[in-house]
Amino acid sequence: MIDRIEASADALWVTPQEEGVLRLGFADDGREMLGPVTKVSWLATTGPLKLGTPFMVVTGETEELTLRSPFAGKILRVNSELVDHPERLNNRNDDLDWMLDLADD
């Protein structure tokens, strides 16, 4: 299992949404580390999230990665569809491979 903050940072893309909100999604580096994604498990879905707090485990054919928050904030929304459709993380599509929206505290 990969569980390092720097691996999480490499595996995520971040893009601003409305003011004070950042969207985190699964980046190409994450796909390269894990191979095809077979499962996702949420570790945090609501409330405050401290810097470095684990929020999701992504399981691929070759490895498992614990994703840690690269920012502190409050979880506004999660892409709950990923549990039933983990394969959405296998291709870059910002509308499908996003994970959560995080608001500034």
PDB file of N, CA and C in Angstrom:
ATOM      1  N   MET A   1       0.843  -1.184   0.000  1.00  0.00           N
ATOM      2  CA  MET A   1       0.000   0.000   0.000  1.00  0.00           C
ATOM      3  C   MET A   1       0.886   1.244   0.000  1.00  0.00           C
ATOM      4  N   ILE A   2       0.537   2.190  -0.858  1.00  0.00           N
ATOM      5  CA  ILE A   2       1.229   3.476  -0.896  1.00  0.00           C
ATOM      6  C   ILE A   2       0.478   4.426   0.021  1.00  0.00           C
ATOM      7  N   ASP A   3       1.140   4.973   1.005  1.00  0.00           N
ATOM      8  CA  ASP A   3       0.500   5.885   1.954  1.00  0.00           C
ATOM      9  C   ASP A   3       1.488   6.997   2.325  1.00  0.00           C
ATOM     10  N   ARG A   4       1.781   7.860   1.337  1.00  0.00           N
ATOM     11  CA  ARG A   4       2.687   8.996   1.553  1.00  0.00           C
ATOM     12  C   ARG A   4       2.029  10.253   1.011  1.00  0.00           C
ATOM     13  N   ILE A   5       2.167  11.348   1.717  1.00  0.00           N
ATOM     14  CA  ILE A   5       1.548  12.602   1.299  1.00  0.00           C
ATOM     15  C   ILE A   5       2.024  13.028  -0.085  1.00  0.00           C
ATOM     16  N   GLU A   6       3.299  12.795  -0.401  1.00  0.00           N
ATOM     17  CA  GLU A   6       3.799  13.203  -1.715  1.00  0.00           C
ATOM     18  C   GLU A   6       3.197  12.350  -2.834  1.00  0.00           C
ATOM     19  N   ALA A   7       2.898  11.088  -2.562  1.00  0.00           N
ATOM     20  CA  ALA A   7       2.235  10.251  -3.554  1.00  0.00           C
ATOM     21  C   ALA A   7       0.811  10.747  -3.787  1.00  0.00           C
ATOM     22  N   SER A   8       0.146  11.170  -2.719  1.00  0.00           N
ATOM     23  CA  SER A   8      -1.194  11.733  -2.848  1.00  0.00           C
ATOM     24  C   SER A   8      -1.168  12.990  -3.705  1.00  0.00           C
ATOM     25  N   ALA A   9      -0.200  13.846  -3.457  1.00  0.00           N
ATOM     26  CA  ALA A   9      -0.111  15.096  -4.219  1.00  0.00           C
ATOM     27  C   ALA A   9       0.102  14.810  -5.697  1.00  0.00           C
ATOM     28  N   ASP A  10       0.917  13.821  -6.028  1.00  0.00           N
ATOM     29  CA  ASP A  10       1.153  13.462  -7.425  1.00  0.00           C
ATOM     30  C   ASP A  10      -0.088  12.863  -8.072  1.00  0.00           C
ATOM     31  N   ALA A  11      -0.901  12.183  -7.296  1.00  0.00           N
ATOM     32  CA  ALA A  11      -2.054  11.454  -7.830  1.00  0.00           C
ATOM     33  C   ALA A  11      -3.297  12.321  -7.990  1.00  0.00           C
ATOM     34  N   LEU A  12      -3.231  13.579  -7.563  1.00  0.00           N
ATOM     35  CA  LEU A  12      -4.416  14.441  -7.584  1.00  0.00           C
ATOM     36  C   LEU A  12      -4.260  15.623  -8.523  1.00  0.00           C
ATOM     37  N   TRP A  13      -5.363  16.011  -9.140  1.00  0.00           N
ATOM     38  CA  TRP A  13      -5.416  17.314  -9.800  1.00  0.00           C
ATOM     39  C   TRP A  13      -6.312  18.199  -8.949  1.00  0.00           C
ATOM     40  N   VAL A  14      -6.071  19.498  -9.003  1.00  0.00           N
ATOM     41  CA  VAL A  14      -6.836  20.472  -8.231  1.00  0.00           C
ATOM     42  C   VAL A  14      -7.239  21.600  -9.154  1.00  0.00           C
ATOM     43  N   THR A  15      -8.498  21.982  -9.084  1.00  0.00           N
ATOM     44  CA  THR A  15      -8.971  23.097  -9.888  1.00  0.00           C
ATOM     45  C   THR A  15      -9.955  23.923  -9.061  1.00  0.00           C
ATOM     46  N   PRO A  16      -9.894  25.249  -9.184  1.00  0.00           N
ATOM     47  CA  PRO A  16     -10.841  26.089  -8.448  1.00  0.00           C
ATOM     48  C   PRO A  16     -12.243  25.958  -9.024  1.00  0.00           C
ATOM     49  N   GLN A  17     -13.216  25.987  -8.154  1.00  0.00           N
ATOM     50  CA  GLN A  17     -14.634  26.029  -8.531  1.00  0.00           C
ATOM     51  C   GLN A  17     -15.123  27.444  -8.227  1.00  0.00           C
ATOM     52  N   GLU A  18     -16.244  27.579  -7.559  1.00  0.00           N
ATOM     53  CA  GLU A  18     -16.664  28.905  -7.130  1.00  0.00           C
ATOM     54  C   GLU A  18     -15.668  29.435  -6.095  1.00  0.00           C
ATOM     55  N   GLU A  19     -15.768  30.697  -5.762  1.00  0.00           N
ATOM     56  CA  GLU A  19     -14.788  31.320  -4.871  1.00  0.00           C
ATOM     57  C   GLU A  19     -14.674  30.563  -3.553  1.00  0.00           C
ATOM     58  N   GLY A  20     -13.431  30.232  -3.198  1.00  0.00           N
ATOM     59  CA  GLY A  20     -13.155  29.556  -1.935  1.00  0.00           C
ATOM     60  C   GLY A  20     -13.357  28.056  -1.965  1.00  0.00           C
ATOM     61  N   VAL A  21     -13.593  27.477  -3.159  1.00  0.00           N
ATOM     62  CA  VAL A  21     -13.832  26.032  -3.264  1.00  0.00           C
ATOM     63  C   VAL A  21     -12.861  25.435  -4.272  1.00  0.00           C
ATOM     64  N   LEU A  22     -12.229  24.337  -3.857  1.00  0.00           N
ATOM     65  CA  LEU A  22     -11.319  23.601  -4.736  1.00  0.00           C
ATOM     66  C   LEU A  22     -11.883  22.213  -5.001  1.00  0.00           C
ATOM     67  N   ARG A  23     -11.750  21.761  -6.241  1.00  0.00           N
ATOM     68  CA  ARG A  23     -12.162  20.403  -6.598  1.00  0.00           C
ATOM     69  C   ARG A  23     -10.924  19.549  -6.757  1.00  0.00           C
ATOM     70  N   LEU A  24     -10.924  18.381  -6.128  1.00  0.00           N
ATOM     71  CA  LEU A  24      -9.825  17.423  -6.236  1.00  0.00           C
ATOM     72  C   LEU A  24     -10.285  16.242  -7.079  1.00  0.00           C
ATOM     73  N   GLY A  25      -9.408  15.797  -7.967  1.00  0.00           N
ATOM     74  CA  GLY A  25      -9.718  14.661  -8.812  1.00  0.00           C
ATOM     75  C   GLY A  25      -8.495  13.783  -8.997  1.00  0.00           C
ATOM     76  N   PHE A  26      -8.675  12.699  -9.710  1.00  0.00           N
ATOM     77  CA  PHE A  26      -7.629  11.705  -9.899  1.00  0.00           C
ATOM     78  C   PHE A  26      -6.820  12.039 -11.142  1.00  0.00           C
ATOM     79  N   ALA A  27      -5.521  12.189 -10.981  1.00  0.00           N
ATOM     80  CA  ALA A  27      -4.631  12.624 -12.059  1.00  0.00           C
ATOM     81  C   ALA A  27      -3.965  11.441 -12.762  1.00  0.00           C
ATOM     82  N   ASP A  28      -3.356  11.744 -13.903  1.00  0.00           N
ATOM     83  CA  ASP A  28      -2.672  10.720 -14.689  1.00  0.00           C
ATOM     84  C   ASP A  28      -1.588   9.996 -13.896  1.00  0.00           C
ATOM     85  N   ASP A  29      -0.869  10.709 -13.026  1.00  0.00           N
ATOM     86  CA  ASP A  29       0.172  10.064 -12.220  1.00  0.00           C
ATOM     87  C   ASP A  29      -0.417   8.980 -11.310  1.00  0.00           C
ATOM     88  N   GLY A  30      -1.619   9.215 -10.806  1.00  0.00           N
ATOM     89  CA  GLY A  30      -2.287   8.205  -9.987  1.00  0.00           C
ATOM     90  C   GLY A  30      -2.612   6.965 -10.799  1.00  0.00           C
ATOM     91  N   ARG A  31      -3.086   7.169 -12.020  1.00  0.00           N
ATOM     92  CA  ARG A  31      -3.387   6.041 -12.902  1.00  0.00           C
ATOM     93  C   ARG A  31      -2.126   5.237 -13.217  1.00  0.00           C
ATOM     94  N   GLU A  32      -1.018   5.939 -13.407  1.00  0.00           N
ATOM     95  CA  GLU A  32       0.245   5.254 -13.680  1.00  0.00           C
ATOM     96  C   GLU A  32       0.718   4.438 -12.477  1.00  0.00           C
ATOM     97  N   MET A  33       0.526   4.958 -11.274  1.00  0.00           N
ATOM     98  CA  MET A  33       0.944   4.248 -10.062  1.00  0.00           C
ATOM     99  C   MET A  33       0.146   2.975  -9.843  1.00  0.00           C
ATOM    100  N   LEU A  34      -1.165   3.017 -10.133  1.00  0.00           N
ATOM    101  CA  LEU A  34      -2.066   1.939  -9.733  1.00  0.00           C
ATOM    102  C   LEU A  34      -2.470   0.984 -10.834  1.00  0.00           C
ATOM    103  N   GLY A  35      -2.380   1.411 -12.065  1.00  0.00           N
ATOM    104  CA  GLY A  35      -2.983   0.612 -13.130  1.00  0.00           C
ATOM    105  C   GLY A  35      -4.488   0.824 -13.090  1.00  0.00           C
ATOM    106  N   PRO A  36      -5.247   0.004 -13.792  1.00  0.00           N
ATOM    107  CA  PRO A  36      -6.697   0.172 -13.805  1.00  0.00           C
ATOM    108  C   PRO A  36      -7.295   0.107 -12.395  1.00  0.00           C
ATOM    109  N   VAL A  37      -8.150   1.069 -12.093  1.00  0.00           N
ATOM    110  CA  VAL A  37      -8.782   1.147 -10.767  1.00  0.00           C
ATOM    111  C   VAL A  37      -9.902   0.120 -10.678  1.00  0.00           C
ATOM    112  N   THR A  38      -9.923  -0.616  -9.576  1.00  0.00           N
ATOM    113  CA  THR A  38     -10.936  -1.647  -9.376  1.00  0.00           C
ATOM    114  C   THR A  38     -11.883  -1.347  -8.211  1.00  0.00           C
ATOM    115  N   LYS A  39     -11.464  -0.449  -7.297  1.00  0.00           N
ATOM    116  CA  LYS A  39     -12.273  -0.179  -6.108  1.00  0.00           C
ATOM    117  C   LYS A  39     -11.868   1.149  -5.497  1.00  0.00           C
ATOM    118  N   VAL A  40     -12.845   1.853  -4.921  1.00  0.00           N
ATOM    119  CA  VAL A  40     -12.550   3.031  -4.107  1.00  0.00           C
ATOM    120  C   VAL A  40     -13.301   2.890  -2.782  1.00  0.00           C
ATOM    121  N   SER A  41     -12.683   3.375  -1.728  1.00  0.00           N
ATOM    122  CA  SER A  41     -13.293   3.362  -0.394  1.00  0.00           C
ATOM    123  C   SER A  41     -13.117   4.744   0.219  1.00  0.00           C
ATOM    124  N   TRP A  42     -14.218   5.347   0.621  1.00  0.00           N
ATOM    125  CA  TRP A  42     -14.153   6.662   1.273  1.00  0.00           C
ATOM    126  C   TRP A  42     -13.729   6.509   2.728  1.00  0.00           C
ATOM    127  N   LEU A  43     -12.824   7.365   3.172  1.00  0.00           N
ATOM    128  CA  LEU A  43     -12.419   7.423   4.576  1.00  0.00           C
ATOM    129  C   LEU A  43     -13.005   8.653   5.256  1.00  0.00           C
ATOM    130  N   ALA A  44     -13.367   9.666   4.465  1.00  0.00           N
ATOM    131  CA  ALA A  44     -13.992  10.892   4.975  1.00  0.00           C
ATOM    132  C   ALA A  44     -14.917  11.420   3.889  1.00  0.00           C
ATOM    133  N   THR A  45     -16.158  11.761   4.268  1.00  0.00           N
ATOM    134  CA  THR A  45     -17.117  12.262   3.281  1.00  0.00           C
ATOM    135  C   THR A  45     -17.797  13.558   3.690  1.00  0.00           C
ATOM    136  N   THR A  46     -17.637  13.958   4.938  1.00  0.00           N
ATOM    137  CA  THR A  46     -18.254  15.199   5.411  1.00  0.00           C
ATOM    138  C   THR A  46     -17.340  15.857   6.439  1.00  0.00           C
ATOM    139  N   GLY A  47     -17.624  17.134   6.669  1.00  0.00           N
ATOM    140  CA  GLY A  47     -16.962  17.853   7.748  1.00  0.00           C
ATOM    141  C   GLY A  47     -15.575  18.358   7.422  1.00  0.00           C
ATOM    142  N   PRO A  48     -14.874  18.798   8.468  1.00  0.00           N
ATOM    143  CA  PRO A  48     -13.545  19.370   8.272  1.00  0.00           C
ATOM    144  C   PRO A  48     -12.519  18.315   7.876  1.00  0.00           C
ATOM    145  N   LEU A  49     -11.533  18.772   7.119  1.00  0.00           N
ATOM    146  CA  LEU A  49     -10.458  17.898   6.665  1.00  0.00           C
ATOM    147  C   LEU A  49      -9.146  18.645   6.896  1.00  0.00           C
ATOM    148  N   LYS A  50      -8.296  18.083   7.729  1.00  0.00           N
ATOM    149  CA  LYS A  50      -6.999  18.704   8.009  1.00  0.00           C
ATOM    150  C   LYS A  50      -5.998  18.326   6.930  1.00  0.00           C
ATOM    151  N   LEU A  51      -5.000  19.149   6.768  1.00  0.00           N
ATOM    152  CA  LEU A  51      -3.913  18.868   5.841  1.00  0.00           C
ATOM    153  C   LEU A  51      -3.337  17.490   6.151  1.00  0.00           C
ATOM    154  N   GLY A  52      -3.225  16.644   5.141  1.00  0.00           N
ATOM    155  CA  GLY A  52      -2.644  15.319   5.310  1.00  0.00           C
ATOM    156  C   GLY A  52      -3.594  14.243   5.798  1.00  0.00           C
ATOM    157  N   THR A  53      -4.857  14.595   6.029  1.00  0.00           N
ATOM    158  CA  THR A  53      -5.828  13.611   6.492  1.00  0.00           C
ATOM    159  C   THR A  53      -6.219  12.666   5.354  1.00  0.00           C
ATOM    160  N   PRO A  54      -6.203  11.360   5.589  1.00  0.00           N
ATOM    161  CA  PRO A  54      -6.648  10.420   4.556  1.00  0.00           C
ATOM    162  C   PRO A  54      -8.139  10.603   4.276  1.00  0.00           C
ATOM    163  N   PHE A  55      -8.507  10.644   2.991  1.00  0.00           N
ATOM    164  CA  PHE A  55      -9.919  10.766   2.662  1.00  0.00           C
ATOM    165  C   PHE A  55     -10.428   9.642   1.753  1.00  0.00           C
ATOM    166  N   MET A  56      -9.527   8.918   1.096  1.00  0.00           N
ATOM    167  CA  MET A  56      -9.959   7.846   0.204  1.00  0.00           C
ATOM    168  C   MET A  56      -8.840   6.838  -0.014  1.00  0.00           C
ATOM    169  N   VAL A  57      -9.217   5.586  -0.208  1.00  0.00           N
ATOM    170  CA  VAL A  57      -8.286   4.549  -0.647  1.00  0.00           C
ATOM    171  C   VAL A  57      -8.719   4.135  -2.044  1.00  0.00           C
ATOM    172  N   VAL A  58      -7.776   4.199  -2.980  1.00  0.00           N
ATOM    173  CA  VAL A  58      -8.033   3.788  -4.356  1.00  0.00           C
ATOM    174  C   VAL A  58      -7.240   2.505  -4.604  1.00  0.00           C
ATOM    175  N   THR A  59      -7.932   1.469  -5.033  1.00  0.00           N
ATOM    176  CA  THR A  59      -7.304   0.179  -5.295  1.00  0.00           C
ATOM    177  C   THR A  59      -7.231  -0.042  -6.792  1.00  0.00           C
ATOM    178  N   GLY A  60      -6.029  -0.350  -7.253  1.00  0.00           N
ATOM    179  CA  GLY A  60      -5.829  -0.671  -8.654  1.00  0.00           C
ATOM    180  C   GLY A  60      -5.375  -2.105  -8.801  1.00  0.00           C
ATOM    181  N   GLU A  61      -5.134  -2.504 -10.037  1.00  0.00           N
ATOM    182  CA  GLU A  61      -4.696  -3.877 -10.288  1.00  0.00           C
ATOM    183  C   GLU A  61      -3.312  -4.159  -9.712  1.00  0.00           C
ATOM    184  N   THR A  62      -2.472  -3.114  -9.609  1.00  0.00           N
ATOM    185  CA  THR A  62      -1.100  -3.350  -9.169  1.00  0.00           C
ATOM    186  C   THR A  62      -0.780  -2.829  -7.769  1.00  0.00           C
ATOM    187  N   GLU A  63      -1.603  -1.932  -7.239  1.00  0.00           N
ATOM    188  CA  GLU A  63      -1.252  -1.286  -5.967  1.00  0.00           C
ATOM    189  C   GLU A  63      -2.499  -0.664  -5.356  1.00  0.00           C
ATOM    190  N   GLU A  64      -2.373  -0.270  -4.096  1.00  0.00           N
ATOM    191  CA  GLU A  64      -3.420   0.450  -3.383  1.00  0.00           C
ATOM    192  C   GLU A  64      -2.825   1.757  -2.882  1.00  0.00           C
ATOM    193  N   LEU A  65      -3.573   2.852  -3.002  1.00  0.00           N
ATOM    194  CA  LEU A  65      -3.077   4.175  -2.644  1.00  0.00           C
ATOM    195  C   LEU A  65      -4.036   4.856  -1.685  1.00  0.00           C
ATOM    196  N   THR A  66      -3.526   5.283  -0.540  1.00  0.00           N
ATOM    197  CA  THR A  66      -4.307   6.094   0.379  1.00  0.00           C
ATOM    198  C   THR A  66      -4.102   7.554  -0.004  1.00  0.00           C
ATOM    199  N   LEU A  67      -5.196   8.229  -0.366  1.00  0.00           N
ATOM    200  CA  LEU A  67      -5.114   9.634  -0.745  1.00  0.00           C
ATOM    201  C   LEU A  67      -5.307  10.501   0.480  1.00  0.00           C
ATOM    202  N   ARG A  68      -4.411  11.472   0.629  1.00  0.00           N
ATOM    203  CA  ARG A  68      -4.440  12.403   1.758  1.00  0.00           C
ATOM    204  C   ARG A  68      -4.679  13.805   1.235  1.00  0.00           C
ATOM    205  N   SER A  69      -5.402  14.584   1.998  1.00  0.00           N
ATOM    206  CA  SER A  69      -5.757  15.934   1.562  1.00  0.00           C
ATOM    207  C   SER A  69      -4.521  16.828   1.473  1.00  0.00           C
ATOM    208  N   PRO A  70      -4.329  17.473   0.303  1.00  0.00           N
ATOM    209  CA  PRO A  70      -3.205  18.401   0.162  1.00  0.00           C
ATOM    210  C   PRO A  70      -3.509  19.781   0.740  1.00  0.00           C
ATOM    211  N   PHE A  71      -4.739  19.966   1.242  1.00  0.00           N
ATOM    212  CA  PHE A  71      -5.182  21.243   1.807  1.00  0.00           C
ATOM    213  C   PHE A  71      -6.058  20.975   3.018  1.00  0.00           C
ATOM    214  N   ALA A  72      -6.168  21.974   3.864  1.00  0.00           N
ATOM    215  CA  ALA A  72      -7.137  21.930   4.957  1.00  0.00           C
ATOM    216  C   ALA A  72      -8.404  22.619   4.469  1.00  0.00           C
ATOM    217  N   GLY A  73      -9.536  22.153   4.934  1.00  0.00           N
ATOM    218  CA  GLY A  73     -10.801  22.769   4.552  1.00  0.00           C
ATOM    219  C   GLY A  73     -11.970  21.934   5.039  1.00  0.00           C
ATOM    220  N   LYS A  74     -13.122  22.209   4.466  1.00  0.00           N
ATOM    221  CA  LYS A  74     -14.343  21.492   4.816  1.00  0.00           C
ATOM    222  C   LYS A  74     -14.882  20.819   3.564  1.00  0.00           C
ATOM    223  N   ILE A  75     -15.200  19.544   3.676  1.00  0.00           N
ATOM    224  CA  ILE A  75     -15.754  18.813   2.544  1.00  0.00           C
ATOM    225  C   ILE A  75     -17.168  19.321   2.277  1.00  0.00           C
ATOM    226  N   LEU A  76     -17.392  19.790   1.057  1.00  0.00           N
ATOM    227  CA  LEU A  76     -18.723  20.246   0.654  1.00  0.00           C
ATOM    228  C   LEU A  76     -19.495  19.156  -0.074  1.00  0.00           C
ATOM    229  N   ARG A  77     -18.819  18.481  -0.990  1.00  0.00           N
ATOM    230  CA  ARG A  77     -19.449  17.448  -1.819  1.00  0.00           C
ATOM    231  C   ARG A  77     -18.431  16.361  -2.120  1.00  0.00           C
ATOM    232  N   VAL A  78     -18.921  15.147  -2.233  1.00  0.00           N
ATOM    233  CA  VAL A  78     -18.090  14.039  -2.698  1.00  0.00           C
ATOM    234  C   VAL A  78     -18.769  13.420  -3.911  1.00  0.00           C
ATOM    235  N   ASN A  79     -17.983  12.824  -4.759  1.00  0.00           N
ATOM    236  CA  ASN A  79     -18.501  12.121  -5.926  1.00  0.00           C
ATOM    237  C   ASN A  79     -18.814  10.687  -5.493  1.00  0.00           C
ATOM    238  N   SER A  80     -19.969  10.509  -4.877  1.00  0.00           N
ATOM    239  CA  SER A  80     -20.347   9.210  -4.312  1.00  0.00           C
ATOM    240  C   SER A  80     -20.534   8.145  -5.386  1.00  0.00           C
ATOM    241  N   GLU A  81     -20.699   8.534  -6.641  1.00  0.00           N
ATOM    242  CA  GLU A  81     -20.871   7.570  -7.731  1.00  0.00           C
ATOM    243  C   GLU A  81     -19.601   6.739  -7.966  1.00  0.00           C
ATOM    244  N   LEU A  82     -18.473   7.210  -7.458  1.00  0.00           N
ATOM    245  CA  LEU A  82     -17.227   6.474  -7.676  1.00  0.00           C
ATOM    246  C   LEU A  82     -17.216   5.103  -7.005  1.00  0.00           C
ATOM    247  N   VAL A  83     -17.967   4.944  -5.933  1.00  0.00           N
ATOM    248  CA  VAL A  83     -18.018   3.643  -5.256  1.00  0.00           C
ATOM    249  C   VAL A  83     -18.607   2.595  -6.196  1.00  0.00           C
ATOM    250  N   ASP A  84     -19.668   2.949  -6.903  1.00  0.00           N
ATOM    251  CA  ASP A  84     -20.297   2.016  -7.840  1.00  0.00           C
ATOM    252  C   ASP A  84     -19.620   1.982  -9.199  1.00  0.00           C
ATOM    253  N   HIS A  85     -18.851   3.032  -9.513  1.00  0.00           N
ATOM    254  CA  HIS A  85     -18.194   3.135 -10.822  1.00  0.00           C
ATOM    255  C   HIS A  85     -16.724   3.542 -10.669  1.00  0.00           C
ATOM    256  N   PRO A  86     -15.906   2.717 -10.004  1.00  0.00           N
ATOM    257  CA  PRO A  86     -14.496   3.084  -9.821  1.00  0.00           C
ATOM    258  C   PRO A  86     -13.746   3.194 -11.148  1.00  0.00           C
ATOM    259  N   GLU A  87     -14.251   2.550 -12.189  1.00  0.00           N
ATOM    260  CA  GLU A  87     -13.600   2.606 -13.499  1.00  0.00           C
ATOM    261  C   GLU A  87     -13.577   4.022 -14.073  1.00  0.00           C
ATOM    262  N   ARG A  88     -14.386   4.918 -13.534  1.00  0.00           N
ATOM    263  CA  ARG A  88     -14.365   6.314 -13.996  1.00  0.00           C
ATOM    264  C   ARG A  88     -13.023   6.985 -13.720  1.00  0.00           C
ATOM    265  N   LEU A  89     -12.265   6.430 -12.791  1.00  0.00           N
ATOM    266  CA  LEU A  89     -10.951   6.998 -12.491  1.00  0.00           C
ATOM    267  C   LEU A  89      -9.882   6.538 -13.488  1.00  0.00           C
ATOM    268  N   ASN A  90     -10.233   5.641 -14.382  1.00  0.00           N
ATOM    269  CA  ASN A  90      -9.251   5.110 -15.323  1.00  0.00           C
ATOM    270  C   ASN A  90      -8.945   6.034 -16.493  1.00  0.00           C
ATOM    271  N   ASN A  91      -9.788   7.017 -16.738  1.00  0.00           N
ATOM    272  CA  ASN A  91      -9.590   7.943 -17.852  1.00  0.00           C
ATOM    273  C   ASN A  91      -9.783   9.367 -17.388  1.00  0.00           C
ATOM    274  N   ARG A  92      -9.047  10.269 -18.000  1.00  0.00           N
ATOM    275  CA  ARG A  92      -9.155  11.685 -17.643  1.00  0.00           C
ATOM    276  C   ARG A  92     -10.459  12.251 -18.184  1.00  0.00           C
ATOM    277  N   ASN A  93     -11.326  12.622 -17.278  1.00  0.00           N
ATOM    278  CA  ASN A  93     -12.574  13.292 -17.595  1.00  0.00           C
ATOM    279  C   ASN A  93     -12.964  14.038 -16.327  1.00  0.00           C
ATOM    280  N   ASP A  94     -12.706  15.326 -16.298  1.00  0.00           N
ATOM    281  CA  ASP A  94     -12.912  16.114 -15.083  1.00  0.00           C
ATOM    282  C   ASP A  94     -14.344  16.055 -14.565  1.00  0.00           C
ATOM    283  N   ASP A  95     -15.305  15.755 -15.432  1.00  0.00           N
ATOM    284  CA  ASP A  95     -16.691  15.658 -14.995  1.00  0.00           C
ATOM    285  C   ASP A  95     -16.975  14.331 -14.293  1.00  0.00           C
ATOM    286  N   LEU A  96     -16.131  13.328 -14.526  1.00  0.00           N
ATOM    287  CA  LEU A  96     -16.357  12.009 -13.940  1.00  0.00           C
ATOM    288  C   LEU A  96     -15.318  11.600 -12.907  1.00  0.00           C
ATOM    289  N   ASP A  97     -14.057  12.046 -13.073  1.00  0.00           N
ATOM    290  CA  ASP A  97     -13.000  11.557 -12.180  1.00  0.00           C
ATOM    291  C   ASP A  97     -12.706  12.491 -11.003  1.00  0.00           C
ATOM    292  N   TRP A  98     -13.615  13.453 -10.751  1.00  0.00           N
ATOM    293  CA  TRP A  98     -13.432  14.295  -9.573  1.00  0.00           C
ATOM    294  C   TRP A  98     -13.820  13.491  -8.329  1.00  0.00           C
ATOM    295  N   MET A  99     -13.205  13.870  -7.205  1.00  0.00           N
ATOM    296  CA  MET A  99     -13.438  13.128  -5.965  1.00  0.00           C
ATOM    297  C   MET A  99     -14.218  13.946  -4.954  1.00  0.00           C
ATOM    298  N   LEU A 100     -13.739  15.155  -4.680  1.00  0.00           N
ATOM    299  CA  LEU A 100     -14.444  15.973  -3.680  1.00  0.00           C
ATOM    300  C   LEU A 100     -14.234  17.449  -3.922  1.00  0.00           C
ATOM    301  N   ASP A 101     -15.167  18.228  -3.370  1.00  0.00           N
ATOM    302  CA  ASP A 101     -15.057  19.686  -3.352  1.00  0.00           C
ATOM    303  C   ASP A 101     -14.736  20.092  -1.921  1.00  0.00           C
ATOM    304  N   LEU A 102     -13.718  20.904  -1.785  1.00  0.00           N
ATOM    305  CA  LEU A 102     -13.200  21.311  -0.488  1.00  0.00           C
ATOM    306  C   LEU A 102     -13.262  22.826  -0.361  1.00  0.00           C
ATOM    307  N   ALA A 103     -13.910  23.332   0.687  1.00  0.00           N
ATOM    308  CA  ALA A 103     -14.045  24.770   0.912  1.00  0.00           C
ATOM    309  C   ALA A 103     -13.013  25.235   1.926  1.00  0.00           C
ATOM    310  N   ASP A 104     -12.526  26.460   1.725  1.00  0.00           N
ATOM    311  CA  ASP A 104     -11.651  27.090   2.713  1.00  0.00           C
ATOM    312  C   ASP A 104     -12.381  27.191   4.033  1.00  0.00           C
ATOM    313  N   ASP A 105     -11.662  26.976   5.120  1.00  0.00           N
ATOM    314  CA  ASP A 105     -12.252  27.173   6.457  1.00  0.00           C
ATOM    315  C   ASP A 105     -12.230  28.616   6.852  1.00  0.00           C
TER     316      ASP A 105
END
